[in-house]
């Protein structure tokens, strides 16, 4: 039986027993435990969308409801708004992803990860999996609250699961963007400002709160390249069980699928593009970068 001395003498190199799945699981558990130990971030990221849901339905419901009924007869404003708030939850929670990474950088944990034998891609995948798990729970809370306020999910429980899935797919690109900011800036304030600076313009310059046809032309133009539009439209199509997309003209499918399929395709493409960039930056990072 060879000893460590024998291995060094014969030039043998001991290999890590780590597996990709094992590295993903370790990081998934670590980031969930970290979230449980700091529930304030979870509460804050959920509180803002809840406030938006209650205030918008109560304060703007009657006015906005008239605009909604012009394009979607028979649809009340609460049912129109809930999918947008679900996407807002995904957006707000994704912002915290980069903040968590900056905390790791500042306390030296990220440097330890860099010198460990863990696969860099697995580190990012495990971290992302933990975050989308929490996003799924938060969107479920929003859907439950929306139903209590009078919203109707025309596609039932299957549709509710579909809205959660759309929220997860949507969140991937912004999680990657938030982590990219964290690696590039290595500063908590810069990451927060950079991510939050985009959050509200993306929400309001989209189909989230009002139908695009009642908004100014320049907003309609921006909405065509705004990821929030595609996330909201996909979730709303599932919620209402009808085709609601106005930024793309798709007729290859049936009903709501004319919105869901192209919207999800756009979101998957964005997630892959931004995710690849984040993984590349993580793989290129060295311990000297984060000191």
Protein backbone atom coordinates (compact mmCIF):
# COMPACT_ATOMS: atom_id res chain seq x y z
CA UNK A 1 0.00 0.00 0.00
CA UNK A 2 1.53 3.31 -1.07
CA UNK A 3 2.00 6.14 1.40
CA UNK A 4 1.90 9.89 0.62
CA UNK A 5 5.73 9.77 0.66
CA UNK A 6 5.73 6.89 -1.83
CA UNK A 7 3.31 8.79 -4.06
CA UNK A 8 5.55 11.86 -4.09
CA UNK A 9 8.60 9.69 -4.76
CA UNK A 10 6.99 7.93 -7.72
CA UNK A 11 5.46 11.11 -9.09
CA UNK A 12 1.88 10.03 -8.39
CA UNK A 13 -0.61 12.83 -7.83
CA UNK A 14 -3.62 12.26 -5.58
CA UNK A 15 -6.82 13.37 -7.23
CA UNK A 16 -9.79 15.00 -5.63
CA UNK A 17 -12.76 12.71 -5.15
CA UNK A 18 -15.06 15.65 -5.91
CA UNK A 19 -17.78 15.19 -8.52
CA UNK A 20 -19.63 17.91 -10.39
CA UNK A 21 -22.96 16.91 -8.81
CA UNK A 22 -21.35 16.78 -5.36
CA UNK A 23 -19.88 20.27 -5.77
CA UNK A 24 -23.30 21.57 -6.91
CA UNK A 25 -24.99 20.01 -3.87
CA UNK A 26 -22.42 21.41 -1.42
CA UNK A 27 -22.90 24.94 -2.77
CA UNK A 28 -26.68 24.54 -2.91
CA UNK A 29 -26.76 23.64 0.79
CA UNK A 30 -24.28 26.35 1.78
CA UNK A 31 -26.20 29.19 0.13
CA UNK A 32 -29.54 28.00 1.52
CA UNK A 33 -28.09 27.79 5.02
CA UNK A 34 -26.64 31.26 4.58
CA UNK A 35 -30.09 32.56 3.56
CA UNK A 36 -31.78 30.91 6.55
CA UNK A 37 -29.26 32.53 8.88
CA UNK A 38 -29.98 35.95 7.35
CA UNK A 39 -33.75 35.97 6.69
CA UNK A 40 -33.83 39.79 6.53
CA UNK A 41 -32.69 39.74 2.88
CA UNK A 42 -35.43 37.25 1.96
CA UNK A 43 -38.11 39.30 3.71
CA UNK A 44 -37.01 42.57 2.09
CA UNK A 45 -36.85 41.07 -1.42
CA UNK A 46 -40.41 39.77 -0.96
CA UNK A 47 -41.84 42.78 0.90
CA UNK A 48 -41.43 45.25 -1.97
CA UNK A 49 -43.39 43.16 -4.53
CA UNK A 50 -46.12 42.48 -1.94
CA UNK A 51 -46.45 46.22 -1.33
CA UNK A 52 -46.63 46.82 -5.09
CA UNK A 53 -49.33 44.17 -5.47
CA UNK A 54 -51.53 45.55 -2.71
CA UNK A 55 -51.02 49.24 -3.54
CA UNK A 56 -51.42 48.92 -7.30
CA UNK A 57 -54.60 46.86 -7.03
CA UNK A 58 -56.13 49.11 -4.39
CA UNK A 59 -54.93 52.53 -5.59
CA UNK A 60 -54.72 52.12 -9.37
CA UNK A 61 -57.09 49.19 -9.86
CA UNK A 62 -60.07 51.16 -11.14
CA UNK A 63 -58.09 53.45 -13.46
CA UNK A 64 -55.74 50.77 -14.80
CA UNK A 65 -58.56 48.25 -15.00
CA UNK A 66 -60.25 50.36 -17.66
CA UNK A 67 -57.10 50.30 -19.81
CA UNK A 68 -56.76 46.54 -19.35
CA UNK A 69 -60.36 45.86 -20.34
CA UNK A 70 -59.82 47.62 -23.68
CA UNK A 71 -57.33 45.01 -24.85
CA UNK A 72 -58.37 42.08 -22.66
CA UNK A 73 -62.15 42.21 -22.13
CA UNK A 74 -63.34 40.52 -18.97
CA UNK A 75 -59.91 40.50 -17.29
CA UNK A 76 -59.73 42.31 -13.94
CA UNK A 77 -56.62 44.27 -13.01
CA UNK A 78 -55.61 41.93 -10.16
CA UNK A 79 -55.38 38.96 -12.54
CA UNK A 80 -53.49 41.16 -15.01
CA UNK A 81 -51.05 42.38 -12.34
CA UNK A 82 -50.16 39.17 -10.45
CA UNK A 83 -47.91 37.74 -13.23
CA UNK A 84 -46.00 41.04 -13.31
CA UNK A 85 -45.45 40.94 -9.55
CA UNK A 86 -44.26 37.33 -9.86
CA UNK A 87 -41.61 38.52 -12.31
CA UNK A 88 -40.77 41.46 -10.04
CA UNK A 89 -40.12 38.97 -7.21
CA UNK A 90 -37.68 37.10 -9.46
CA UNK A 91 -35.97 40.36 -10.39
CA UNK A 92 -35.71 41.65 -6.81
CA UNK A 93 -34.43 38.32 -5.48
CA UNK A 94 -31.89 38.02 -8.29
CA UNK A 95 -30.35 41.32 -7.15
CA UNK A 96 -29.41 39.71 -3.82
CA UNK A 97 -27.38 37.03 -5.62
CA UNK A 98 -24.52 39.37 -6.46
CA UNK A 99 -24.67 40.93 -2.99
CA UNK A 100 -24.15 37.49 -1.45
CA UNK A 101 -21.13 36.90 -3.68
CA UNK A 102 -19.63 40.27 -2.69
CA UNK A 103 -20.04 39.30 0.97
CA UNK A 104 -18.09 36.14 0.24
CA UNK A 105 -15.38 38.18 -1.45
CA UNK A 106 -15.17 40.66 1.43
CA UNK A 107 -14.96 38.02 4.19
CA UNK A 108 -12.44 35.87 2.32
CA UNK A 109 -14.74 32.91 1.67
CA UNK A 110 -14.63 33.36 -2.10
CA UNK A 111 -10.84 33.21 -2.07
CA UNK A 112 -11.06 29.87 -0.24
CA UNK A 113 -13.47 28.59 -2.88
CA UNK A 114 -11.07 29.64 -5.64
CA UNK A 115 -8.20 27.59 -4.19
CA UNK A 116 -10.41 24.58 -3.41
CA UNK A 117 -10.67 21.61 -5.81
CA UNK A 118 -14.32 22.43 -6.54
CA UNK A 119 -15.38 22.89 -10.16
CA UNK A 120 -15.95 26.61 -10.84
CA UNK A 121 -19.03 25.95 -12.98
CA UNK A 122 -20.47 23.73 -10.24
CA UNK A 123 -19.93 26.56 -7.73
CA UNK A 124 -22.03 28.92 -9.85
CA UNK A 125 -24.67 26.27 -10.65
CA UNK A 126 -25.08 25.32 -6.98
CA UNK A 127 -25.35 28.96 -5.93
CA UNK A 128 -27.88 29.65 -8.68
CA UNK A 129 -29.92 26.55 -7.80
CA UNK A 130 -30.22 27.73 -4.19
CA UNK A 131 -31.39 31.14 -5.35
CA UNK A 132 -33.98 29.88 -7.84
CA UNK A 133 -35.30 27.53 -5.14
CA UNK A 134 -35.98 30.55 -2.93
CA UNK A 135 -37.43 32.48 -5.87
CA UNK A 136 -39.84 29.62 -6.54
CA UNK A 137 -41.06 29.75 -2.94
CA UNK A 138 -41.49 33.54 -3.07
CA UNK A 139 -43.44 33.44 -6.35
CA UNK A 140 -45.70 30.79 -4.82
CA UNK A 141 -46.41 33.17 -1.94
CA UNK A 142 -47.27 35.97 -4.41
CA UNK A 143 -49.63 33.70 -6.38
CA UNK A 144 -51.37 32.66 -3.16
CA UNK A 145 -51.75 36.29 -2.09
CA UNK A 146 -53.02 37.22 -5.55
CA UNK A 147 -55.71 34.54 -5.37
CA UNK A 148 -56.75 35.85 -1.94
CA UNK A 149 -57.07 39.34 -3.47
CA UNK A 150 -59.36 38.01 -6.20
CA UNK A 151 -57.04 36.98 -9.05
CA UNK A 152 -57.95 33.91 -11.08
CA UNK A 153 -55.42 31.48 -12.54
CA UNK A 154 -57.37 30.18 -15.52
CA UNK A 155 -55.00 27.24 -16.00
CA UNK A 156 -55.29 26.06 -12.38
CA UNK A 157 -52.53 24.44 -10.35
CA UNK A 158 -50.65 23.36 -13.47
CA UNK A 159 -50.70 26.99 -14.61
CA UNK A 160 -49.45 28.17 -11.22
CA UNK A 161 -46.51 25.76 -11.52
CA UNK A 162 -45.93 27.11 -15.04
CA UNK A 163 -45.79 30.70 -13.77
CA UNK A 164 -43.25 29.65 -11.13
CA UNK A 165 -41.19 27.96 -13.87
CA UNK A 166 -41.29 31.09 -16.04
CA UNK A 167 -40.17 33.17 -13.06
CA UNK A 168 -37.23 30.82 -12.53
CA UNK A 169 -36.21 30.90 -16.20
CA UNK A 170 -36.52 34.69 -16.20
CA UNK A 171 -34.40 35.06 -13.05
CA UNK A 172 -31.41 33.21 -14.52
CA UNK A 173 -30.17 36.05 -16.70
CA UNK A 174 -30.40 38.64 -13.91
CA UNK A 175 -28.77 36.32 -11.36
CA UNK A 176 -25.89 35.93 -13.81
CA UNK A 177 -25.79 39.70 -14.41
CA UNK A 178 -25.77 40.39 -10.65
CA UNK A 179 -22.90 37.94 -10.09
CA UNK A 180 -21.01 39.42 -13.02
CA UNK A 181 -21.27 42.85 -11.39
CA UNK A 182 -20.03 41.36 -8.12
CA UNK A 183 -16.93 39.82 -9.73
CA UNK A 184 -16.17 42.96 -11.75
CA UNK A 185 -16.71 45.54 -8.99
CA UNK A 186 -15.88 43.42 -5.90
CA UNK A 187 -17.79 46.08 -3.98
CA UNK A 188 -21.17 45.69 -2.28
CA UNK A 189 -22.39 49.25 -2.83
CA UNK A 190 -21.47 49.21 -6.53
CA UNK A 191 -23.23 45.88 -7.03
CA UNK A 192 -26.40 47.07 -5.28
CA UNK A 193 -26.47 50.37 -7.18
CA UNK A 194 -25.73 48.74 -10.52
CA UNK A 195 -28.42 46.06 -10.15
CA UNK A 196 -31.08 48.34 -8.62
CA UNK A 197 -30.42 51.04 -11.20
CA UNK A 198 -31.83 48.69 -13.83
CA UNK A 199 -34.63 47.14 -11.81
CA UNK A 200 -37.29 49.87 -11.95
CA UNK A 201 -36.66 51.08 -15.52
CA UNK A 202 -36.94 47.47 -16.69
CA UNK A 203 -40.22 47.04 -14.83
CA UNK A 204 -41.92 50.27 -15.86
CA UNK A 205 -40.68 50.26 -19.46
CA UNK A 206 -42.44 46.98 -20.17
CA UNK A 207 -45.90 45.43 -20.26
CA UNK A 208 -45.79 44.78 -16.50
CA UNK A 209 -48.29 47.30 -15.15
CA UNK A 210 -50.26 48.45 -18.20
CA UNK A 211 -50.95 47.10 -21.70
CA UNK A 212 -48.33 48.39 -24.13
CA UNK A 213 -50.92 49.84 -26.51
CA UNK A 214 -51.88 52.55 -23.96
CA UNK A 215 -48.24 53.56 -23.35
CA UNK A 216 -46.14 56.05 -25.37
CA UNK A 217 -44.55 54.82 -28.58
CA UNK A 218 -40.99 55.12 -27.24
CA UNK A 219 -41.86 52.81 -24.33
CA UNK A 220 -43.37 50.30 -26.76
CA UNK A 221 -40.12 50.40 -28.73
CA UNK A 222 -37.98 49.80 -25.65
CA UNK A 223 -40.32 47.04 -24.48
CA UNK A 224 -39.44 44.98 -27.56
CA UNK A 225 -35.88 44.51 -26.27
CA UNK A 226 -36.77 44.45 -22.57
CA UNK A 227 -36.47 40.96 -20.98
CA UNK A 228 -39.17 41.86 -18.43
CA UNK A 229 -41.73 42.12 -21.23
CA UNK A 230 -41.08 38.53 -22.29
CA UNK A 231 -41.14 37.23 -18.71
CA UNK A 232 -44.37 39.06 -17.85
CA UNK A 233 -46.09 38.13 -21.11
CA UNK A 234 -45.23 34.43 -20.72
CA UNK A 235 -46.49 34.39 -17.11
CA UNK A 236 -49.59 36.39 -18.05
CA UNK A 237 -50.42 34.10 -20.97
CA UNK A 238 -50.39 31.15 -18.55
CA UNK A 239 -52.43 33.09 -16.00
CA UNK A 240 -55.13 34.15 -18.48
CA UNK A 241 -54.80 31.18 -20.85
CA UNK A 242 -54.66 33.38 -23.93
CA UNK A 243 -52.23 35.00 -26.32
CA UNK A 244 -51.20 38.36 -24.84
CA UNK A 245 -47.93 39.15 -26.62
CA UNK A 246 -47.84 42.39 -28.57
CA UNK A 247 -44.10 42.83 -29.23
CA UNK A 248 -43.84 39.76 -31.48
CA UNK A 249 -46.33 38.43 -33.98
CA UNK A 250 -46.33 34.62 -33.67
CA UNK A 251 -49.09 32.45 -35.12
CA UNK A 252 -47.34 29.08 -35.42
CA UNK A 253 -48.91 27.70 -32.24
CA UNK A 254 -52.29 27.62 -30.52
CA UNK A 255 -53.66 30.34 -28.23
CA UNK A 256 -51.43 31.08 -25.23
CA UNK A 257 -48.56 29.07 -26.73
CA UNK A 258 -48.09 31.86 -29.30
CA UNK A 259 -46.87 33.94 -26.35
CA UNK A 260 -45.29 31.30 -24.12
CA UNK A 261 -43.02 29.56 -26.65
CA UNK A 262 -41.26 32.62 -28.15
CA UNK A 263 -41.07 34.40 -24.79
CA UNK A 264 -39.49 31.43 -23.02
CA UNK A 265 -37.11 30.94 -25.98
CA UNK A 266 -35.91 34.54 -25.59
CA UNK A 267 -35.46 34.10 -21.82
CA UNK A 268 -33.54 30.83 -22.22
CA UNK A 269 -31.24 32.52 -24.74
CA UNK A 270 -30.59 35.41 -22.35
CA UNK A 271 -29.96 33.02 -19.47
CA UNK A 272 -27.43 31.04 -21.48
CA UNK A 273 -25.66 34.18 -22.72
CA UNK A 274 -25.40 35.90 -19.34
CA UNK A 275 -24.76 32.63 -17.50
CA UNK A 276 -21.87 31.78 -19.81
CA UNK A 277 -20.38 35.22 -19.16
CA UNK A 278 -20.67 34.80 -15.39
CA UNK A 279 -19.11 31.33 -15.45
CA UNK A 280 -16.28 32.63 -17.65
CA UNK A 281 -15.51 35.43 -15.19
CA UNK A 282 -15.62 33.02 -12.25
CA UNK A 283 -13.33 30.58 -14.04
CA UNK A 284 -10.86 33.38 -14.85
CA UNK A 285 -10.91 34.79 -11.31
CA UNK A 286 -7.82 34.24 -9.20
CA UNK A 287 -7.22 34.78 -5.52
CA UNK A 288 -5.32 38.00 -6.27
CA UNK A 289 -8.45 39.41 -7.95
CA UNK A 290 -10.49 39.28 -4.79
CA UNK A 291 -8.04 40.48 -2.18
